[in-house]
């Protein structure tokens, strides 16, 4: 199916301690996990990549920023894609305005 991960990525995913199966664009479970796992004083940086920049990536970036406003969040634009090029670029610009670093 188109929504399934490539087999080599799925194998890696099953090795991780924490996996979030999100039911909507943004994962409140992810935001809560990050807020509880890391304290605001910790030196932490989170990098996000994924599909779709203009739906899921921006939703999760803003959600994490809301839970932990002092954590540095970056998005690797070269590892993201949107529904359209224009909506991808709009999402990147919106994230920049919300103090999320976009790496081009």
N, C-alpha and C. Protein backbone atom coordinates (compact mmCIF):
# COMPACT_ATOMS: atom_id res chain seq x y z
N UNK A 1 0.84 -1.19 0.00
CA UNK A 1 0.00 0.00 0.00
C UNK A 1 0.88 1.26 0.00
N UNK A 2 0.37 2.33 -0.53
CA UNK A 2 1.12 3.57 -0.61
C UNK A 2 1.45 4.21 0.71
N UNK A 3 0.70 3.92 1.75
CA UNK A 3 0.93 4.54 3.06
C UNK A 3 1.93 3.75 3.90
N UNK A 4 2.31 2.55 3.46
CA UNK A 4 3.22 1.72 4.23
C UNK A 4 4.67 2.15 4.02
N UNK A 5 5.48 1.90 5.02
CA UNK A 5 6.90 2.23 4.94
C UNK A 5 7.63 1.20 4.09
N UNK A 6 8.72 1.65 3.46
CA UNK A 6 9.59 0.71 2.75
C UNK A 6 10.07 -0.34 3.74
N UNK A 7 10.31 -1.55 3.29
CA UNK A 7 10.64 -2.66 4.19
C UNK A 7 11.89 -2.38 5.04
N UNK A 8 12.94 -1.78 4.47
CA UNK A 8 14.15 -1.52 5.26
C UNK A 8 13.91 -0.46 6.34
N UNK A 9 13.02 0.47 6.08
CA UNK A 9 12.66 1.47 7.09
C UNK A 9 11.80 0.82 8.17
N UNK A 10 10.87 -0.01 7.77
CA UNK A 10 10.02 -0.71 8.73
C UNK A 10 10.85 -1.58 9.67
N UNK A 11 11.88 -2.25 9.15
CA UNK A 11 12.76 -3.06 9.99
C UNK A 11 13.46 -2.20 11.04
N UNK A 12 13.93 -1.04 10.66
CA UNK A 12 14.58 -0.12 11.59
C UNK A 12 13.58 0.39 12.61
N UNK A 13 12.38 0.74 12.15
CA UNK A 13 11.35 1.26 13.05
C UNK A 13 11.03 0.27 14.16
N UNK A 14 11.00 -1.00 13.87
CA UNK A 14 10.64 -2.00 14.88
C UNK A 14 11.74 -2.19 15.91
N UNK A 15 12.95 -1.68 15.64
CA UNK A 15 14.04 -1.77 16.60
C UNK A 15 14.01 -0.65 17.63
N UNK A 16 13.28 0.40 17.36
CA UNK A 16 13.26 1.56 18.24
C UNK A 16 12.42 1.28 19.50
N UNK A 17 12.77 2.00 20.58
CA UNK A 17 12.05 1.85 21.84
C UNK A 17 10.67 2.49 21.79
N UNK A 18 10.55 3.60 21.09
CA UNK A 18 9.30 4.37 21.11
C UNK A 18 8.84 4.64 19.69
N UNK A 19 7.64 4.20 19.37
CA UNK A 19 7.05 4.40 18.06
C UNK A 19 5.66 4.99 18.28
N UNK A 20 5.31 5.99 17.50
CA UNK A 20 4.00 6.63 17.61
C UNK A 20 3.20 6.34 16.35
N UNK A 21 2.09 5.66 16.51
CA UNK A 21 1.15 5.46 15.41
C UNK A 21 0.11 6.55 15.55
N UNK A 22 0.27 7.60 14.76
CA UNK A 22 -0.63 8.75 14.91
C UNK A 22 -1.92 8.54 14.14
N UNK A 23 -2.98 9.02 14.71
CA UNK A 23 -4.31 8.87 14.13
C UNK A 23 -4.78 10.12 13.41
N UNK A 24 -4.00 11.18 13.49
CA UNK A 24 -4.36 12.45 12.88
C UNK A 24 -3.09 13.15 12.42
N UNK A 25 -3.19 14.34 11.90
CA UNK A 25 -2.02 15.02 11.34
C UNK A 25 -0.92 15.23 12.36
N UNK A 26 -1.27 15.76 13.52
CA UNK A 26 -0.30 15.99 14.59
C UNK A 26 -0.49 14.96 15.68
N UNK A 27 0.60 14.55 16.31
CA UNK A 27 0.55 13.53 17.35
C UNK A 27 0.69 14.17 18.73
N UNK A 28 -0.40 14.27 19.46
CA UNK A 28 -0.32 14.78 20.82
C UNK A 28 0.48 13.82 21.69
N UNK A 29 0.46 12.54 21.37
CA UNK A 29 1.25 11.55 22.10
C UNK A 29 2.75 11.88 21.97
N UNK A 30 3.17 12.28 20.78
CA UNK A 30 4.55 12.68 20.56
C UNK A 30 4.89 13.93 21.37
N UNK A 31 4.02 14.93 21.34
CA UNK A 31 4.25 16.15 22.11
C UNK A 31 4.35 15.88 23.60
N UNK A 32 3.46 15.05 24.12
CA UNK A 32 3.49 14.69 25.54
C UNK A 32 4.75 13.91 25.89
N UNK A 33 5.14 13.01 25.02
CA UNK A 33 6.35 12.22 25.24
C UNK A 33 7.57 13.13 25.34
N UNK A 34 7.70 14.04 24.40
CA UNK A 34 8.85 14.95 24.40
C UNK A 34 8.83 15.83 25.63
N UNK A 35 7.66 16.35 25.99
CA UNK A 35 7.55 17.22 27.17
C UNK A 35 7.92 16.49 28.46
N UNK A 36 7.54 15.23 28.57
CA UNK A 36 7.85 14.48 29.78
C UNK A 36 9.26 13.90 29.77
N UNK A 37 9.75 13.57 28.63
CA UNK A 37 11.08 12.94 28.52
C UNK A 37 12.20 13.96 28.73
N UNK A 38 11.99 15.15 28.23
CA UNK A 38 13.04 16.16 28.28
C UNK A 38 12.57 17.38 29.03
N UNK A 39 13.45 17.91 29.84
CA UNK A 39 13.12 19.13 30.58
C UNK A 39 13.52 20.33 29.73
N UNK A 40 12.89 21.45 29.98
CA UNK A 40 13.17 22.67 29.21
C UNK A 40 14.65 23.07 29.29
N UNK A 41 15.33 22.72 30.38
CA UNK A 41 16.74 23.10 30.54
C UNK A 41 17.69 22.20 29.78
N UNK A 42 17.22 21.05 29.35
CA UNK A 42 18.08 20.13 28.63
C UNK A 42 18.48 20.71 27.28
N UNK A 43 19.70 20.42 26.88
CA UNK A 43 20.16 20.81 25.55
C UNK A 43 19.60 19.79 24.57
N UNK A 44 18.59 20.18 23.85
CA UNK A 44 17.91 19.24 22.98
C UNK A 44 17.59 19.91 21.67
N UNK A 45 17.78 19.18 20.60
CA UNK A 45 17.36 19.64 19.29
C UNK A 45 16.61 18.51 18.62
N UNK A 46 15.52 18.83 17.99
CA UNK A 46 14.71 17.84 17.29
C UNK A 46 14.70 18.20 15.81
N UNK A 47 14.97 17.22 14.97
CA UNK A 47 14.90 17.43 13.53
C UNK A 47 13.75 16.59 12.97
N UNK A 48 12.91 17.23 12.19
CA UNK A 48 11.77 16.55 11.58
C UNK A 48 11.97 16.43 10.08
N UNK A 49 11.53 15.33 9.54
CA UNK A 49 11.48 15.10 8.10
C UNK A 49 10.19 14.33 7.82
N UNK A 50 9.72 14.34 6.59
CA UNK A 50 8.57 13.50 6.28
C UNK A 50 7.63 14.07 5.25
N UNK A 51 6.54 13.36 5.12
CA UNK A 51 5.46 13.70 4.20
C UNK A 51 4.23 13.94 5.05
N UNK A 52 3.46 14.79 4.75
CA UNK A 52 3.50 15.92 3.86
C UNK A 52 3.94 17.16 4.64
N UNK A 53 4.84 17.92 4.07
CA UNK A 53 5.34 19.13 4.72
C UNK A 53 4.19 20.02 5.16
N UNK A 54 3.22 20.17 4.28
CA UNK A 54 2.13 21.11 4.47
C UNK A 54 0.98 20.56 5.31
N UNK A 55 1.08 19.34 5.78
CA UNK A 55 0.04 18.77 6.64
C UNK A 55 0.68 18.20 7.90
N UNK A 56 1.32 17.06 7.80
CA UNK A 56 1.83 16.36 8.97
C UNK A 56 3.09 16.99 9.57
N UNK A 57 4.05 17.36 8.74
CA UNK A 57 5.30 17.91 9.27
C UNK A 57 5.03 19.21 10.01
N UNK A 58 4.31 20.12 9.39
CA UNK A 58 4.04 21.40 10.06
C UNK A 58 3.17 21.20 11.31
N UNK A 59 2.22 20.29 11.26
CA UNK A 59 1.37 20.03 12.43
C UNK A 59 2.20 19.55 13.61
N UNK A 60 3.11 18.61 13.36
CA UNK A 60 3.93 18.08 14.44
C UNK A 60 4.98 19.07 14.92
N UNK A 61 5.54 19.85 14.02
CA UNK A 61 6.51 20.87 14.41
C UNK A 61 5.86 21.90 15.34
N UNK A 62 4.69 22.37 14.98
CA UNK A 62 4.00 23.37 15.80
C UNK A 62 3.50 22.76 17.10
N UNK A 63 3.09 21.52 17.06
CA UNK A 63 2.63 20.84 18.27
C UNK A 63 3.78 20.68 19.26
N UNK A 64 4.93 20.24 18.78
CA UNK A 64 6.10 20.11 19.65
C UNK A 64 6.50 21.47 20.20
N UNK A 65 6.46 22.50 19.36
CA UNK A 65 6.81 23.86 19.80
C UNK A 65 5.85 24.34 20.89
N UNK A 66 4.58 23.96 20.79
CA UNK A 66 3.61 24.35 21.81
C UNK A 66 3.88 23.64 23.14
N UNK A 67 4.24 22.37 23.09
CA UNK A 67 4.55 21.62 24.30
C UNK A 67 5.87 22.07 24.92
N UNK A 68 6.85 22.38 24.10
CA UNK A 68 8.21 22.70 24.56
C UNK A 68 8.76 23.89 23.78
N UNK A 69 8.33 25.09 24.10
CA UNK A 69 8.70 26.25 23.29
C UNK A 69 10.19 26.55 23.24
N UNK A 70 10.98 26.09 24.19
CA UNK A 70 12.40 26.40 24.20
C UNK A 70 13.24 25.38 23.47
N UNK A 71 12.69 24.25 23.09
CA UNK A 71 13.45 23.24 22.37
C UNK A 71 13.67 23.71 20.94
N UNK A 72 14.90 23.55 20.46
CA UNK A 72 15.20 23.92 19.08
C UNK A 72 14.67 22.83 18.15
N UNK A 73 13.85 23.25 17.20
CA UNK A 73 13.27 22.33 16.22
C UNK A 73 13.75 22.75 14.84
N UNK A 74 14.20 21.76 14.08
CA UNK A 74 14.57 22.05 12.70
C UNK A 74 13.85 21.07 11.78
N UNK A 75 13.66 21.51 10.55
CA UNK A 75 13.04 20.70 9.52
C UNK A 75 13.99 20.68 8.33
N UNK A 76 14.34 19.47 7.90
CA UNK A 76 15.21 19.32 6.73
C UNK A 76 14.32 19.33 5.49
N UNK A 77 14.29 20.46 4.81
CA UNK A 77 13.40 20.64 3.66
C UNK A 77 13.69 19.65 2.54
N UNK A 78 14.95 19.22 2.41
CA UNK A 78 15.30 18.30 1.34
C UNK A 78 14.79 16.87 1.61
N UNK A 79 14.35 16.62 2.82
CA UNK A 79 13.81 15.30 3.18
C UNK A 79 12.30 15.38 3.42
N UNK A 80 11.67 16.39 2.87
CA UNK A 80 10.23 16.58 2.99
C UNK A 80 9.63 16.83 1.62
N UNK A 81 8.35 16.62 1.52
CA UNK A 81 7.62 16.96 0.30
C UNK A 81 6.19 17.28 0.67
N UNK A 82 5.63 18.22 -0.06
CA UNK A 82 4.25 18.61 0.19
C UNK A 82 3.32 18.09 -0.89
N UNK A 83 2.06 18.41 -0.72
CA UNK A 83 1.06 18.02 -1.72
C UNK A 83 1.41 18.66 -3.06
N UNK A 84 1.82 19.93 -3.01
CA UNK A 84 2.32 20.62 -4.19
C UNK A 84 3.61 21.35 -3.79
N UNK A 85 4.38 21.77 -4.76
CA UNK A 85 5.60 22.53 -4.47
C UNK A 85 5.24 23.82 -3.74
N UNK A 86 4.19 24.47 -4.19
CA UNK A 86 3.78 25.73 -3.56
C UNK A 86 3.35 25.52 -2.11
N UNK A 87 2.58 24.48 -1.83
CA UNK A 87 2.13 24.26 -0.45
C UNK A 87 3.30 23.81 0.43
N UNK A 88 4.24 23.08 -0.12
CA UNK A 88 5.47 22.71 0.60
C UNK A 88 6.22 23.97 1.01
N UNK A 89 6.44 24.87 0.04
CA UNK A 89 7.15 26.12 0.32
C UNK A 89 6.40 27.00 1.30
N UNK A 90 5.09 27.07 1.19
CA UNK A 90 4.29 27.85 2.14
C UNK A 90 4.43 27.31 3.56
N UNK A 91 4.42 25.99 3.70
CA UNK A 91 4.57 25.38 5.03
C UNK A 91 5.95 25.70 5.61
N UNK A 92 6.98 25.63 4.78
CA UNK A 92 8.33 25.96 5.25
C UNK A 92 8.40 27.40 5.73
N UNK A 93 7.81 28.31 4.98
CA UNK A 93 7.80 29.73 5.37
C UNK A 93 7.02 29.93 6.67
N UNK A 94 5.90 29.25 6.81
CA UNK A 94 5.10 29.36 8.04
C UNK A 94 5.89 28.86 9.25
N UNK A 95 6.61 27.76 9.08
CA UNK A 95 7.40 27.23 10.19
C UNK A 95 8.52 28.19 10.57
N UNK A 96 9.14 28.82 9.59
CA UNK A 96 10.19 29.80 9.88
C UNK A 96 9.63 30.92 10.76
N UNK A 97 8.41 31.35 10.47
CA UNK A 97 7.79 32.43 11.23
C UNK A 97 7.49 32.02 12.68
N UNK A 98 7.46 30.73 12.93
CA UNK A 98 7.17 30.20 14.26
C UNK A 98 8.43 29.69 14.96
N UNK A 99 9.57 30.23 14.58
CA UNK A 99 10.87 29.93 15.19
C UNK A 99 11.28 28.47 15.04
N UNK A 100 10.92 27.88 13.92
CA UNK A 100 11.38 26.55 13.57
C UNK A 100 12.41 26.73 12.46
N UNK A 101 13.59 26.20 12.69
CA UNK A 101 14.68 26.35 11.72
C UNK A 101 14.43 25.43 10.54
N UNK A 102 14.48 26.00 9.34
CA UNK A 102 14.32 25.21 8.12
C UNK A 102 15.69 25.12 7.46
N UNK A 103 16.15 23.87 7.30
CA UNK A 103 17.43 23.62 6.64
C UNK A 103 17.11 23.31 5.18
N UNK A 104 17.62 24.13 4.29
CA UNK A 104 17.32 23.99 2.86
C UNK A 104 18.34 23.13 2.16
